[in-house]
Amino acid sequence: MNDSEMRRRELLKQTRKLYEDGRELPAVHPRYGRIYHDLYKENPQDQEPSGGTFYIRLVIGILCFVCFVYMDQSKAEIAEVNSTAIVNQIEKEVDADAIIEAWKAL
């Protein structure tokens, strides 16, 4: 094997290693470098988990259910609304055409 073949093989190995590794960042203009690095951290372990609202919504749902059960068990009436009125509003059929017309009127 001559020198040019050895050089080509070495360059091929380096190129394969470069693209197989996948850690190489794409070319980014220096002006946008910080934004890019903030969005795409080097290590996935460095990224903080994205915050969601699931647990907040879950707590609110549980609180609403507990209040409904309390109102039903104690026959309480709050702001002239009792558990029967809540159930009636949930079971009420909704007329989609009336809602669309009301939105168009706004």
N, C-alpha and C. Protein backbone atom coordinates (compact mmCIF):
# COMPACT_ATOMS: atom_id res chain seq x y z
N MET A 1 0.85 -1.16 0.00
CA MET A 1 0.00 0.00 0.00
C MET A 1 0.90 1.24 0.00
N ASN A 2 0.60 2.15 -0.88
CA ASN A 2 1.45 3.34 -0.95
C ASN A 2 0.90 4.44 -0.03
N ASP A 3 1.62 5.53 0.02
CA ASP A 3 1.28 6.61 0.94
C ASP A 3 -0.08 7.23 0.64
N SER A 4 -0.44 7.39 -0.60
CA SER A 4 -1.71 8.03 -0.95
C SER A 4 -2.89 7.15 -0.51
N GLU A 5 -2.76 5.83 -0.66
CA GLU A 5 -3.83 4.93 -0.22
C GLU A 5 -3.98 4.98 1.31
N MET A 6 -2.86 4.98 1.99
CA MET A 6 -2.91 5.05 3.46
C MET A 6 -3.54 6.37 3.91
N ARG A 7 -3.18 7.43 3.23
CA ARG A 7 -3.74 8.75 3.57
C ARG A 7 -5.25 8.76 3.32
N ARG A 8 -5.70 8.19 2.19
CA ARG A 8 -7.14 8.13 1.88
C ARG A 8 -7.89 7.31 2.91
N ARG A 9 -7.34 6.18 3.31
CA ARG A 9 -7.99 5.34 4.31
C ARG A 9 -8.08 6.05 5.67
N GLU A 10 -7.04 6.75 6.01
CA GLU A 10 -7.05 7.48 7.27
C GLU A 10 -8.10 8.59 7.24
N LEU A 11 -8.18 9.31 6.14
CA LEU A 11 -9.20 10.35 6.00
C LEU A 11 -10.60 9.75 6.02
N LEU A 12 -10.79 8.61 5.40
CA LEU A 12 -12.08 7.93 5.41
C LEU A 12 -12.48 7.53 6.83
N LYS A 13 -11.53 7.00 7.59
CA LYS A 13 -11.80 6.63 8.99
C LYS A 13 -12.18 7.86 9.81
N GLN A 14 -11.46 8.94 9.61
CA GLN A 14 -11.75 10.17 10.35
C GLN A 14 -13.14 10.71 10.00
N THR A 15 -13.47 10.65 8.72
CA THR A 15 -14.78 11.14 8.29
C THR A 15 -15.90 10.28 8.86
N ARG A 16 -15.73 8.96 8.82
CA ARG A 16 -16.75 8.07 9.39
C ARG A 16 -16.91 8.31 10.88
N LYS A 17 -15.79 8.47 11.57
CA LYS A 17 -15.86 8.72 13.01
C LYS A 17 -16.57 10.04 13.30
N LEU A 18 -16.29 11.03 12.49
CA LEU A 18 -16.91 12.34 12.67
C LEU A 18 -18.42 12.27 12.53
N TYR A 19 -18.92 11.56 11.52
CA TYR A 19 -20.36 11.52 11.27
C TYR A 19 -21.07 10.45 12.08
N GLU A 20 -20.40 9.41 12.51
CA GLU A 20 -21.02 8.38 13.33
C GLU A 20 -21.20 8.85 14.77
N ASP A 21 -20.32 9.70 15.22
CA ASP A 21 -20.37 10.18 16.59
C ASP A 21 -21.64 10.98 16.85
N GLY A 22 -22.04 11.83 15.92
CA GLY A 22 -23.27 12.59 16.04
C GLY A 22 -23.23 13.71 17.05
N ARG A 23 -22.11 13.96 17.68
CA ARG A 23 -22.01 15.02 18.68
C ARG A 23 -21.50 16.32 18.09
N GLU A 24 -21.15 16.30 16.86
CA GLU A 24 -20.62 17.49 16.22
C GLU A 24 -21.76 18.46 15.95
N LEU A 25 -21.61 19.68 16.37
CA LEU A 25 -22.64 20.68 16.16
C LEU A 25 -22.56 21.21 14.73
N PRO A 26 -23.71 21.57 14.17
CA PRO A 26 -23.67 22.14 12.84
C PRO A 26 -23.07 23.55 12.88
N ALA A 27 -22.73 24.04 11.72
CA ALA A 27 -22.15 25.38 11.64
C ALA A 27 -23.22 26.40 12.00
N VAL A 28 -22.92 27.21 13.00
CA VAL A 28 -23.85 28.22 13.47
C VAL A 28 -23.13 29.55 13.46
N HIS A 29 -23.82 30.57 12.95
CA HIS A 29 -23.23 31.90 12.93
C HIS A 29 -22.92 32.32 14.37
N PRO A 30 -21.78 32.96 14.59
CA PRO A 30 -21.41 33.33 15.96
C PRO A 30 -22.46 34.16 16.69
N ARG A 31 -23.20 34.95 15.94
CA ARG A 31 -24.23 35.78 16.55
C ARG A 31 -25.31 34.92 17.20
N TYR A 32 -25.59 33.75 16.63
CA TYR A 32 -26.66 32.90 17.13
C TYR A 32 -26.14 31.71 17.94
N GLY A 33 -24.85 31.68 18.20
CA GLY A 33 -24.26 30.54 18.91
C GLY A 33 -24.85 30.30 20.29
N ARG A 34 -25.02 31.37 21.07
CA ARG A 34 -25.54 31.20 22.43
C ARG A 34 -26.98 30.69 22.41
N ILE A 35 -27.80 31.23 21.52
CA ILE A 35 -29.19 30.79 21.42
C ILE A 35 -29.22 29.31 21.06
N TYR A 36 -28.38 28.92 20.09
CA TYR A 36 -28.36 27.53 19.66
C TYR A 36 -27.95 26.62 20.82
N HIS A 37 -26.94 27.02 21.55
CA HIS A 37 -26.47 26.18 22.65
C HIS A 37 -27.47 26.14 23.81
N ASP A 38 -28.25 27.21 23.98
CA ASP A 38 -29.29 27.18 25.01
C ASP A 38 -30.42 26.24 24.61
N LEU A 39 -30.75 26.22 23.33
CA LEU A 39 -31.83 25.35 22.86
C LEU A 39 -31.41 23.89 22.82
N TYR A 40 -30.21 23.64 22.34
CA TYR A 40 -29.73 22.27 22.15
C TYR A 40 -28.49 22.06 22.99
N LYS A 41 -28.70 21.62 24.19
CA LYS A 41 -27.59 21.38 25.11
C LYS A 41 -26.72 20.25 24.58
N GLU A 42 -25.46 20.26 24.99
CA GLU A 42 -24.51 19.24 24.55
C GLU A 42 -24.94 17.85 25.00
N ASN A 43 -25.25 17.71 26.29
CA ASN A 43 -25.63 16.41 26.84
C ASN A 43 -27.12 16.43 27.17
N PRO A 44 -27.84 15.35 26.84
CA PRO A 44 -29.26 15.31 27.19
C PRO A 44 -29.49 15.35 28.70
N GLN A 45 -28.49 14.93 29.50
CA GLN A 45 -28.65 14.97 30.94
C GLN A 45 -28.65 16.40 31.47
N ASP A 46 -28.05 17.33 30.71
CA ASP A 46 -27.99 18.72 31.14
C ASP A 46 -29.32 19.44 30.96
N GLN A 47 -30.19 18.90 30.14
CA GLN A 47 -31.46 19.56 29.87
C GLN A 47 -32.41 19.35 31.04
N GLU A 48 -33.01 20.44 31.46
CA GLU A 48 -34.00 20.32 32.51
C GLU A 48 -35.30 19.85 31.89
N PRO A 49 -36.09 19.09 32.63
CA PRO A 49 -37.34 18.58 32.06
C PRO A 49 -38.30 19.73 31.79
N SER A 50 -39.02 19.62 30.69
CA SER A 50 -39.96 20.67 30.35
C SER A 50 -41.13 20.64 31.32
N GLY A 51 -41.46 21.77 31.84
CA GLY A 51 -42.54 21.86 32.81
C GLY A 51 -43.89 21.73 32.13
N GLY A 52 -44.77 21.03 32.77
CA GLY A 52 -46.11 20.87 32.25
C GLY A 52 -47.12 21.29 33.28
N THR A 53 -48.37 21.32 32.86
CA THR A 53 -49.43 21.73 33.76
C THR A 53 -50.30 20.56 34.17
N PHE A 54 -49.86 19.35 33.87
CA PHE A 54 -50.69 18.19 34.17
C PHE A 54 -51.01 18.09 35.65
N TYR A 55 -50.00 18.21 36.51
CA TYR A 55 -50.22 18.04 37.95
C TYR A 55 -51.10 19.15 38.52
N ILE A 56 -50.94 20.35 38.00
CA ILE A 56 -51.80 21.45 38.46
C ILE A 56 -53.24 21.18 38.07
N ARG A 57 -53.45 20.74 36.82
CA ARG A 57 -54.81 20.43 36.37
C ARG A 57 -55.38 19.25 37.14
N LEU A 58 -54.54 18.28 37.46
CA LEU A 58 -55.00 17.13 38.23
C LEU A 58 -55.47 17.55 39.62
N VAL A 59 -54.72 18.40 40.28
CA VAL A 59 -55.08 18.88 41.62
C VAL A 59 -56.38 19.68 41.56
N ILE A 60 -56.52 20.53 40.55
CA ILE A 60 -57.75 21.31 40.42
C ILE A 60 -58.94 20.39 40.18
N GLY A 61 -58.77 19.37 39.34
CA GLY A 61 -59.85 18.42 39.09
C GLY A 61 -60.25 17.66 40.34
N ILE A 62 -59.25 17.24 41.11
CA ILE A 62 -59.55 16.51 42.35
C ILE A 62 -60.27 17.42 43.34
N LEU A 63 -59.82 18.68 43.45
CA LEU A 63 -60.49 19.62 44.35
C LEU A 63 -61.94 19.85 43.94
N CYS A 64 -62.18 19.99 42.63
CA CYS A 64 -63.56 20.17 42.16
C CYS A 64 -64.41 18.94 42.49
N PHE A 65 -63.84 17.76 42.30
CA PHE A 65 -64.59 16.54 42.61
C PHE A 65 -64.90 16.44 44.10
N VAL A 66 -63.92 16.76 44.93
CA VAL A 66 -64.13 16.71 46.39
C VAL A 66 -65.22 17.71 46.79
N CYS A 67 -65.19 18.91 46.22
CA CYS A 67 -66.23 19.90 46.52
C CYS A 67 -67.60 19.40 46.08
N PHE A 68 -67.66 18.76 44.91
CA PHE A 68 -68.93 18.24 44.42
C PHE A 68 -69.46 17.15 45.36
N VAL A 69 -68.59 16.23 45.77
CA VAL A 69 -69.01 15.16 46.68
C VAL A 69 -69.47 15.74 48.02
N TYR A 70 -68.77 16.74 48.52
CA TYR A 70 -69.18 17.39 49.77
C TYR A 70 -70.56 18.04 49.62
N MET A 71 -70.76 18.74 48.50
CA MET A 71 -72.06 19.37 48.27
C MET A 71 -73.17 18.34 48.18
N ASP A 72 -72.89 17.20 47.54
CA ASP A 72 -73.90 16.16 47.38
C ASP A 72 -74.22 15.49 48.72
N GLN A 73 -73.21 15.19 49.51
CA GLN A 73 -73.41 14.48 50.78
C GLN A 73 -74.10 15.36 51.82
N SER A 74 -73.71 16.63 51.87
CA SER A 74 -74.26 17.51 52.89
C SER A 74 -75.45 18.32 52.40
N LYS A 75 -75.86 18.09 51.16
CA LYS A 75 -76.98 18.83 50.55
C LYS A 75 -76.75 20.34 50.64
N ALA A 76 -75.50 20.73 50.50
CA ALA A 76 -75.14 22.15 50.59
C ALA A 76 -75.51 22.86 49.29
N GLU A 77 -75.75 24.15 49.43
CA GLU A 77 -76.07 24.98 48.27
C GLU A 77 -75.16 26.20 48.33
N ILE A 78 -74.34 26.35 47.32
CA ILE A 78 -73.38 27.44 47.27
C ILE A 78 -73.72 28.32 46.08
N ALA A 79 -73.93 29.60 46.34
CA ALA A 79 -74.30 30.58 45.32
C ALA A 79 -75.53 30.10 44.55
N GLU A 80 -76.50 29.59 45.27
CA GLU A 80 -77.76 29.09 44.71
C GLU A 80 -77.56 27.95 43.71
N VAL A 81 -76.48 27.19 43.89
CA VAL A 81 -76.20 26.03 43.04
C VAL A 81 -75.97 24.84 43.96
N ASN A 82 -76.67 23.74 43.64
CA ASN A 82 -76.44 22.51 44.40
C ASN A 82 -75.94 21.42 43.46
N SER A 83 -75.70 20.23 43.99
CA SER A 83 -75.12 19.16 43.19
C SER A 83 -76.06 18.72 42.07
N THR A 84 -77.37 18.80 42.29
CA THR A 84 -78.33 18.43 41.25
C THR A 84 -78.24 19.38 40.06
N ALA A 85 -78.08 20.66 40.32
CA ALA A 85 -77.94 21.63 39.24
C ALA A 85 -76.66 21.39 38.44
N ILE A 86 -75.60 21.00 39.12
CA ILE A 86 -74.34 20.71 38.43
C ILE A 86 -74.51 19.50 37.52
N VAL A 87 -75.16 18.45 38.02
CA VAL A 87 -75.38 17.24 37.21
C VAL A 87 -76.28 17.57 36.02
N ASN A 88 -77.29 18.39 36.22
CA ASN A 88 -78.18 18.77 35.11
C ASN A 88 -77.42 19.54 34.03
N GLN A 89 -76.52 20.42 34.42
CA GLN A 89 -75.75 21.17 33.44
C GLN A 89 -74.77 20.27 32.68
N ILE A 90 -74.24 19.26 33.35
CA ILE A 90 -73.32 18.33 32.69
C ILE A 90 -74.08 17.48 31.68
N GLU A 91 -75.29 17.04 32.04
CA GLU A 91 -76.07 16.17 31.17
C GLU A 91 -76.80 16.93 30.06
N LYS A 92 -76.83 18.22 30.13
CA LYS A 92 -77.58 19.04 29.18
C LYS A 92 -77.04 18.89 27.77
N GLU A 93 -77.95 18.70 26.80
CA GLU A 93 -77.58 18.63 25.39
C GLU A 93 -77.16 20.02 24.92
N VAL A 94 -76.12 20.08 24.12
CA VAL A 94 -75.62 21.36 23.63
C VAL A 94 -75.98 21.49 22.16
N ASP A 95 -76.57 22.61 21.81
CA ASP A 95 -76.92 22.89 20.42
C ASP A 95 -75.75 23.61 19.77
N ALA A 96 -75.05 22.91 18.89
CA ALA A 96 -73.86 23.47 18.26
C ALA A 96 -74.19 24.66 17.38
N ASP A 97 -75.33 24.62 16.71
CA ASP A 97 -75.70 25.74 15.83
C ASP A 97 -75.91 27.02 16.63
N ALA A 98 -76.51 26.91 17.80
CA ALA A 98 -76.73 28.09 18.64
C ALA A 98 -75.40 28.67 19.11
N ILE A 99 -74.45 27.82 19.41
CA ILE A 99 -73.13 28.30 19.85
C ILE A 99 -72.42 29.01 18.71
N ILE A 100 -72.50 28.43 17.51
CA ILE A 100 -71.85 29.06 16.35
C ILE A 100 -72.48 30.42 16.06
N GLU A 101 -73.79 30.52 16.13
CA GLU A 101 -74.47 31.80 15.90
C GLU A 101 -74.10 32.81 16.97
N ALA A 102 -73.96 32.37 18.21
CA ALA A 102 -73.58 33.29 19.28
C ALA A 102 -72.18 33.81 19.06
N TRP A 103 -71.28 32.98 18.60
CA TRP A 103 -69.91 33.42 18.32
C TRP A 103 -69.87 34.38 17.14
N LYS A 104 -70.71 34.13 16.14
CA LYS A 104 -70.74 35.04 14.98
C LYS A 104 -71.29 36.40 15.37
N ALA A 105 -72.19 36.42 16.35
CA ALA A 105 -72.79 37.68 16.79
C ALA A 105 -71.76 38.56 17.50
N LEU A 106 -70.75 37.95 18.07
CA LEU A 106 -69.73 38.72 18.77
C LEU A 106 -68.87 39.39 17.76
